[in-house]
N, C-alpha and C. Protein backbone atom coordinates (compact mmCIF):
# COMPACT_ATOMS: atom_id res chain seq x y z
N MET A 1 0.83 -1.19 0.00
CA MET A 1 0.00 0.00 0.00
C MET A 1 0.87 1.26 0.00
N LEU A 2 1.93 1.27 0.78
CA LEU A 2 2.83 2.42 0.81
C LEU A 2 3.48 2.62 -0.56
N GLN A 3 3.82 1.51 -1.21
CA GLN A 3 4.43 1.58 -2.54
C GLN A 3 3.48 2.24 -3.53
N SER A 4 2.19 1.91 -3.48
CA SER A 4 1.20 2.54 -4.35
C SER A 4 1.06 4.02 -4.05
N PHE A 5 1.10 4.37 -2.77
CA PHE A 5 1.01 5.78 -2.37
C PHE A 5 2.19 6.56 -2.93
N VAL A 6 3.38 5.99 -2.83
CA VAL A 6 4.58 6.64 -3.35
C VAL A 6 4.48 6.75 -4.87
N HIS A 7 4.09 5.66 -5.52
CA HIS A 7 3.99 5.62 -6.98
C HIS A 7 3.04 6.70 -7.49
N TYR A 8 1.82 6.71 -6.99
CA TYR A 8 0.82 7.66 -7.47
C TYR A 8 1.07 9.06 -6.92
N GLY A 9 1.72 9.16 -5.79
CA GLY A 9 2.11 10.47 -5.27
C GLY A 9 3.10 11.15 -6.20
N ILE A 10 4.05 10.36 -6.71
CA ILE A 10 5.01 10.91 -7.67
C ILE A 10 4.31 11.24 -8.98
N HIS A 11 3.46 10.34 -9.46
CA HIS A 11 2.74 10.55 -10.72
C HIS A 11 1.95 11.84 -10.73
N PHE A 12 1.23 12.11 -9.66
CA PHE A 12 0.32 13.26 -9.63
C PHE A 12 0.81 14.42 -8.77
N GLY A 13 1.49 14.12 -7.67
CA GLY A 13 1.92 15.16 -6.75
C GLY A 13 3.15 15.92 -7.21
N LEU A 14 4.13 15.22 -7.74
CA LEU A 14 5.36 15.89 -8.17
C LEU A 14 5.10 16.86 -9.33
N PRO A 15 4.33 16.47 -10.37
CA PRO A 15 4.02 17.46 -11.42
C PRO A 15 3.26 18.67 -10.88
N LEU A 16 2.37 18.44 -9.92
CA LEU A 16 1.62 19.54 -9.34
C LEU A 16 2.55 20.49 -8.59
N ALA A 17 3.45 19.94 -7.80
CA ALA A 17 4.40 20.76 -7.05
C ALA A 17 5.30 21.56 -8.00
N ILE A 18 5.78 20.91 -9.06
CA ILE A 18 6.64 21.60 -10.02
C ILE A 18 5.86 22.70 -10.73
N ALA A 19 4.62 22.39 -11.12
CA ALA A 19 3.79 23.39 -11.80
C ALA A 19 3.55 24.61 -10.92
N ILE A 20 3.23 24.39 -9.68
CA ILE A 20 2.94 25.50 -8.76
C ILE A 20 4.20 26.30 -8.44
N LEU A 21 5.32 25.60 -8.24
CA LEU A 21 6.56 26.28 -7.86
C LEU A 21 7.25 27.02 -9.01
N PHE A 22 7.25 26.42 -10.19
CA PHE A 22 8.05 26.96 -11.28
C PHE A 22 7.25 27.58 -12.43
N TYR A 23 5.96 27.31 -12.48
CA TYR A 23 5.12 27.82 -13.57
C TYR A 23 3.88 28.50 -13.00
N LYS A 24 4.09 29.40 -12.05
CA LYS A 24 3.00 30.02 -11.29
C LYS A 24 1.93 30.68 -12.16
N LYS A 25 2.33 31.38 -13.21
CA LYS A 25 1.38 32.11 -14.04
C LYS A 25 0.44 31.19 -14.82
N TYR A 26 0.92 30.04 -15.18
CA TYR A 26 0.08 29.10 -15.94
C TYR A 26 0.27 27.67 -15.41
N TRP A 27 0.14 27.54 -14.09
CA TRP A 27 0.40 26.25 -13.45
C TRP A 27 -0.59 25.18 -13.88
N ILE A 28 -1.84 25.55 -14.15
CA ILE A 28 -2.83 24.54 -14.56
C ILE A 28 -2.45 23.95 -15.91
N LYS A 29 -2.08 24.82 -16.85
CA LYS A 29 -1.65 24.36 -18.17
C LYS A 29 -0.40 23.49 -18.05
N ALA A 30 0.56 23.95 -17.26
CA ALA A 30 1.80 23.20 -17.07
C ALA A 30 1.52 21.83 -16.46
N TYR A 31 0.64 21.80 -15.47
CA TYR A 31 0.28 20.52 -14.82
C TYR A 31 -0.37 19.58 -15.82
N CYS A 32 -1.30 20.09 -16.59
CA CYS A 32 -2.00 19.24 -17.57
C CYS A 32 -1.04 18.68 -18.61
N ILE A 33 -0.09 19.50 -19.07
CA ILE A 33 0.89 19.01 -20.05
C ILE A 33 1.75 17.91 -19.44
N MET A 34 2.18 18.12 -18.20
CA MET A 34 3.00 17.08 -17.56
C MET A 34 2.19 15.79 -17.33
N ILE A 35 0.92 15.92 -17.01
CA ILE A 35 0.08 14.74 -16.79
C ILE A 35 -0.11 13.94 -18.09
N LEU A 36 0.06 14.59 -19.24
CA LEU A 36 -0.01 13.86 -20.50
C LEU A 36 1.03 12.73 -20.57
N GLY A 37 2.04 12.82 -19.73
CA GLY A 37 3.04 11.76 -19.66
C GLY A 37 2.44 10.42 -19.27
N MET A 38 1.24 10.43 -18.71
CA MET A 38 0.55 9.18 -18.35
C MET A 38 0.21 8.36 -19.58
N LEU A 39 0.11 9.02 -20.73
CA LEU A 39 -0.29 8.32 -21.95
C LEU A 39 0.69 7.22 -22.36
N ILE A 40 1.92 7.29 -21.87
CA ILE A 40 2.86 6.22 -22.24
C ILE A 40 2.45 4.88 -21.63
N ASP A 41 1.53 4.90 -20.68
CA ASP A 41 1.04 3.64 -20.13
C ASP A 41 0.14 2.89 -21.10
N LEU A 42 -0.19 3.50 -22.24
CA LEU A 42 -0.96 2.79 -23.25
C LEU A 42 -0.19 1.58 -23.78
N ASP A 43 1.13 1.59 -23.64
CA ASP A 43 1.91 0.44 -24.10
C ASP A 43 1.66 -0.80 -23.24
N HIS A 44 1.04 -0.64 -22.10
CA HIS A 44 0.68 -1.80 -21.28
C HIS A 44 -0.35 -2.67 -22.00
N LEU A 45 -1.10 -2.07 -22.92
CA LEU A 45 -2.10 -2.82 -23.67
C LEU A 45 -1.46 -3.87 -24.58
N LEU A 46 -0.17 -3.74 -24.85
CA LEU A 46 0.54 -4.70 -25.69
C LEU A 46 1.01 -5.92 -24.90
N ALA A 47 0.96 -5.83 -23.59
CA ALA A 47 1.48 -6.92 -22.74
C ALA A 47 0.39 -7.94 -22.42
N ASN A 48 0.83 -9.13 -22.09
CA ASN A 48 -0.09 -10.17 -21.66
C ASN A 48 0.47 -10.80 -20.39
N PRO A 49 -0.19 -10.61 -19.26
CA PRO A 49 -1.42 -9.87 -19.03
C PRO A 49 -1.17 -8.36 -19.11
N ILE A 50 -2.24 -7.61 -19.33
CA ILE A 50 -2.13 -6.16 -19.45
C ILE A 50 -1.56 -5.56 -18.17
N PHE A 51 -2.03 -6.04 -17.02
CA PHE A 51 -1.54 -5.54 -15.74
C PHE A 51 -0.99 -6.69 -14.92
N ASP A 52 0.21 -6.53 -14.46
CA ASP A 52 0.83 -7.49 -13.55
C ASP A 52 1.47 -6.67 -12.42
N PRO A 53 0.92 -6.76 -11.21
CA PRO A 53 1.43 -5.92 -10.12
C PRO A 53 2.88 -6.20 -9.75
N ASN A 54 3.40 -7.34 -10.16
CA ASN A 54 4.78 -7.69 -9.83
C ASN A 54 5.77 -7.41 -10.96
N ARG A 55 5.27 -6.83 -12.05
CA ARG A 55 6.14 -6.59 -13.21
C ARG A 55 6.72 -5.18 -13.15
N CYS A 56 7.98 -5.07 -13.45
CA CYS A 56 8.65 -3.78 -13.56
C CYS A 56 8.46 -3.27 -15.00
N SER A 57 7.86 -2.10 -15.13
CA SER A 57 7.60 -1.54 -16.45
C SER A 57 8.86 -1.10 -17.18
N ILE A 58 9.87 -0.70 -16.41
CA ILE A 58 11.08 -0.15 -17.01
C ILE A 58 11.78 -1.21 -17.86
N ASN A 59 11.97 -0.87 -19.11
CA ASN A 59 12.57 -1.72 -20.14
C ASN A 59 11.77 -3.00 -20.42
N PHE A 60 10.52 -3.05 -20.01
CA PHE A 60 9.64 -4.16 -20.38
C PHE A 60 8.69 -3.71 -21.48
N HIS A 61 8.05 -2.57 -21.28
CA HIS A 61 7.13 -2.02 -22.27
C HIS A 61 7.89 -1.10 -23.22
N PRO A 62 7.47 -1.02 -24.49
CA PRO A 62 8.21 -0.22 -25.47
C PRO A 62 8.38 1.26 -25.09
N LEU A 63 7.34 1.89 -24.57
CA LEU A 63 7.44 3.30 -24.21
C LEU A 63 8.10 3.52 -22.85
N HIS A 64 8.54 2.43 -22.23
CA HIS A 64 9.28 2.49 -20.97
C HIS A 64 10.70 1.95 -21.17
N SER A 65 11.11 1.79 -22.43
CA SER A 65 12.43 1.23 -22.72
C SER A 65 13.52 2.28 -22.48
N TYR A 66 14.74 1.80 -22.40
CA TYR A 66 15.86 2.71 -22.21
C TYR A 66 16.00 3.68 -23.39
N TYR A 67 15.67 3.21 -24.58
CA TYR A 67 15.73 4.09 -25.76
C TYR A 67 14.69 5.20 -25.65
N ALA A 68 13.49 4.85 -25.24
CA ALA A 68 12.42 5.85 -25.07
C ALA A 68 12.81 6.84 -23.96
N ILE A 69 13.38 6.33 -22.88
CA ILE A 69 13.79 7.20 -21.77
C ILE A 69 14.84 8.21 -22.25
N ALA A 70 15.73 7.78 -23.13
CA ALA A 70 16.74 8.70 -23.68
C ALA A 70 16.06 9.82 -24.46
N VAL A 71 15.02 9.49 -25.21
CA VAL A 71 14.27 10.50 -25.95
C VAL A 71 13.58 11.46 -24.98
N TYR A 72 13.01 10.92 -23.91
CA TYR A 72 12.33 11.77 -22.92
C TYR A 72 13.31 12.75 -22.29
N LEU A 73 14.52 12.29 -22.05
CA LEU A 73 15.54 13.18 -21.49
C LEU A 73 15.93 14.27 -22.49
N LEU A 74 15.99 13.92 -23.76
CA LEU A 74 16.29 14.92 -24.79
C LEU A 74 15.18 15.96 -24.91
N LEU A 75 13.94 15.56 -24.63
CA LEU A 75 12.82 16.49 -24.68
C LEU A 75 12.93 17.58 -23.61
N LEU A 76 13.75 17.36 -22.61
CA LEU A 76 13.95 18.36 -21.56
C LEU A 76 14.75 19.57 -22.05
N ILE A 77 15.49 19.40 -23.12
CA ILE A 77 16.41 20.45 -23.57
C ILE A 77 15.68 21.63 -24.24
N PRO A 78 14.89 21.40 -25.31
CA PRO A 78 14.20 22.55 -25.93
C PRO A 78 13.08 23.08 -25.02
N LYS A 79 12.96 24.37 -24.95
CA LYS A 79 11.95 24.98 -24.09
C LYS A 79 10.54 24.55 -24.51
N LYS A 80 10.31 24.38 -25.82
CA LYS A 80 8.98 24.03 -26.32
C LYS A 80 8.52 22.64 -25.88
N THR A 81 9.43 21.74 -25.62
CA THR A 81 9.06 20.37 -25.26
C THR A 81 9.38 20.05 -23.80
N ARG A 82 9.88 21.02 -23.07
CA ARG A 82 10.37 20.77 -21.72
C ARG A 82 9.30 20.22 -20.78
N LEU A 83 8.09 20.80 -20.81
CA LEU A 83 7.05 20.33 -19.89
C LEU A 83 6.63 18.90 -20.21
N LEU A 84 6.50 18.58 -21.48
CA LEU A 84 6.15 17.21 -21.85
C LEU A 84 7.26 16.26 -21.43
N GLY A 85 8.51 16.64 -21.71
CA GLY A 85 9.65 15.81 -21.30
C GLY A 85 9.69 15.63 -19.80
N LEU A 86 9.39 16.69 -19.07
CA LEU A 86 9.37 16.62 -17.61
C LEU A 86 8.30 15.65 -17.14
N GLY A 87 7.12 15.72 -17.75
CA GLY A 87 6.05 14.78 -17.39
C GLY A 87 6.44 13.33 -17.66
N LEU A 88 7.10 13.11 -18.78
CA LEU A 88 7.52 11.75 -19.14
C LEU A 88 8.61 11.23 -18.19
N VAL A 89 9.56 12.09 -17.88
CA VAL A 89 10.64 11.69 -16.96
C VAL A 89 10.06 11.43 -15.57
N ILE A 90 9.14 12.26 -15.13
CA ILE A 90 8.50 12.03 -13.82
C ILE A 90 7.76 10.71 -13.83
N HIS A 91 7.10 10.40 -14.93
CA HIS A 91 6.40 9.12 -15.05
C HIS A 91 7.37 7.96 -14.88
N ILE A 92 8.51 8.05 -15.55
CA ILE A 92 9.51 6.98 -15.44
C ILE A 92 10.04 6.89 -14.02
N ILE A 93 10.28 8.03 -13.38
CA ILE A 93 10.73 8.02 -11.98
C ILE A 93 9.71 7.33 -11.09
N ALA A 94 8.43 7.64 -11.31
CA ALA A 94 7.38 7.00 -10.52
C ALA A 94 7.37 5.49 -10.74
N ASP A 95 7.56 5.07 -11.98
CA ASP A 95 7.54 3.64 -12.28
C ASP A 95 8.75 2.90 -11.69
N THR A 96 9.84 3.61 -11.46
CA THR A 96 10.99 2.94 -10.84
C THR A 96 10.66 2.55 -9.39
N ALA A 97 9.68 3.21 -8.78
CA ALA A 97 9.28 2.86 -7.43
C ALA A 97 8.74 1.43 -7.38
N ASP A 98 8.14 0.97 -8.49
CA ASP A 98 7.61 -0.39 -8.57
C ASP A 98 8.69 -1.43 -8.81
N CYS A 99 9.85 -0.97 -9.22
CA CYS A 99 10.92 -1.89 -9.59
C CYS A 99 11.96 -2.07 -8.50
N GLY A 100 11.80 -1.35 -7.41
CA GLY A 100 12.78 -1.41 -6.35
C GLY A 100 14.06 -0.70 -6.73
N LEU A 101 13.96 0.24 -7.69
CA LEU A 101 15.13 0.96 -8.16
C LEU A 101 15.33 2.27 -7.41
N MET A 102 14.41 2.62 -6.55
CA MET A 102 14.51 3.89 -5.81
C MET A 102 15.01 3.62 -4.41
C-alpha cells in the first residue's frame, strides 16, 4: 500500500508541485501538459497480461524502454518540449518505485 502511495504520489503530486513552484502564471496548463506523460502507459495494452502488479515496467514495455527514456531526457532540452519531457521523466521516476530501483 505504501508503494502505491509513493507511486501515485510521484505521478500526480510531483508534477503539481513543479507546476505550482516553477510555472505560477500558468500552473494549470503546465500541470496538464505534464500529466499527458501518463499516456505512455498505453503500451501496457501490448502486454499479456495487461496488468501485472509484480512486473517492472522499465525496459519491459516499449514506451518504458531505455531508448524511449533517452528521448524523454532529450525532450527536456528545448523549451517548447520541456514540460512534456518533464512529465515523461517524472512518469519513469514513478515507475521505478515499482521496480525497487529507488
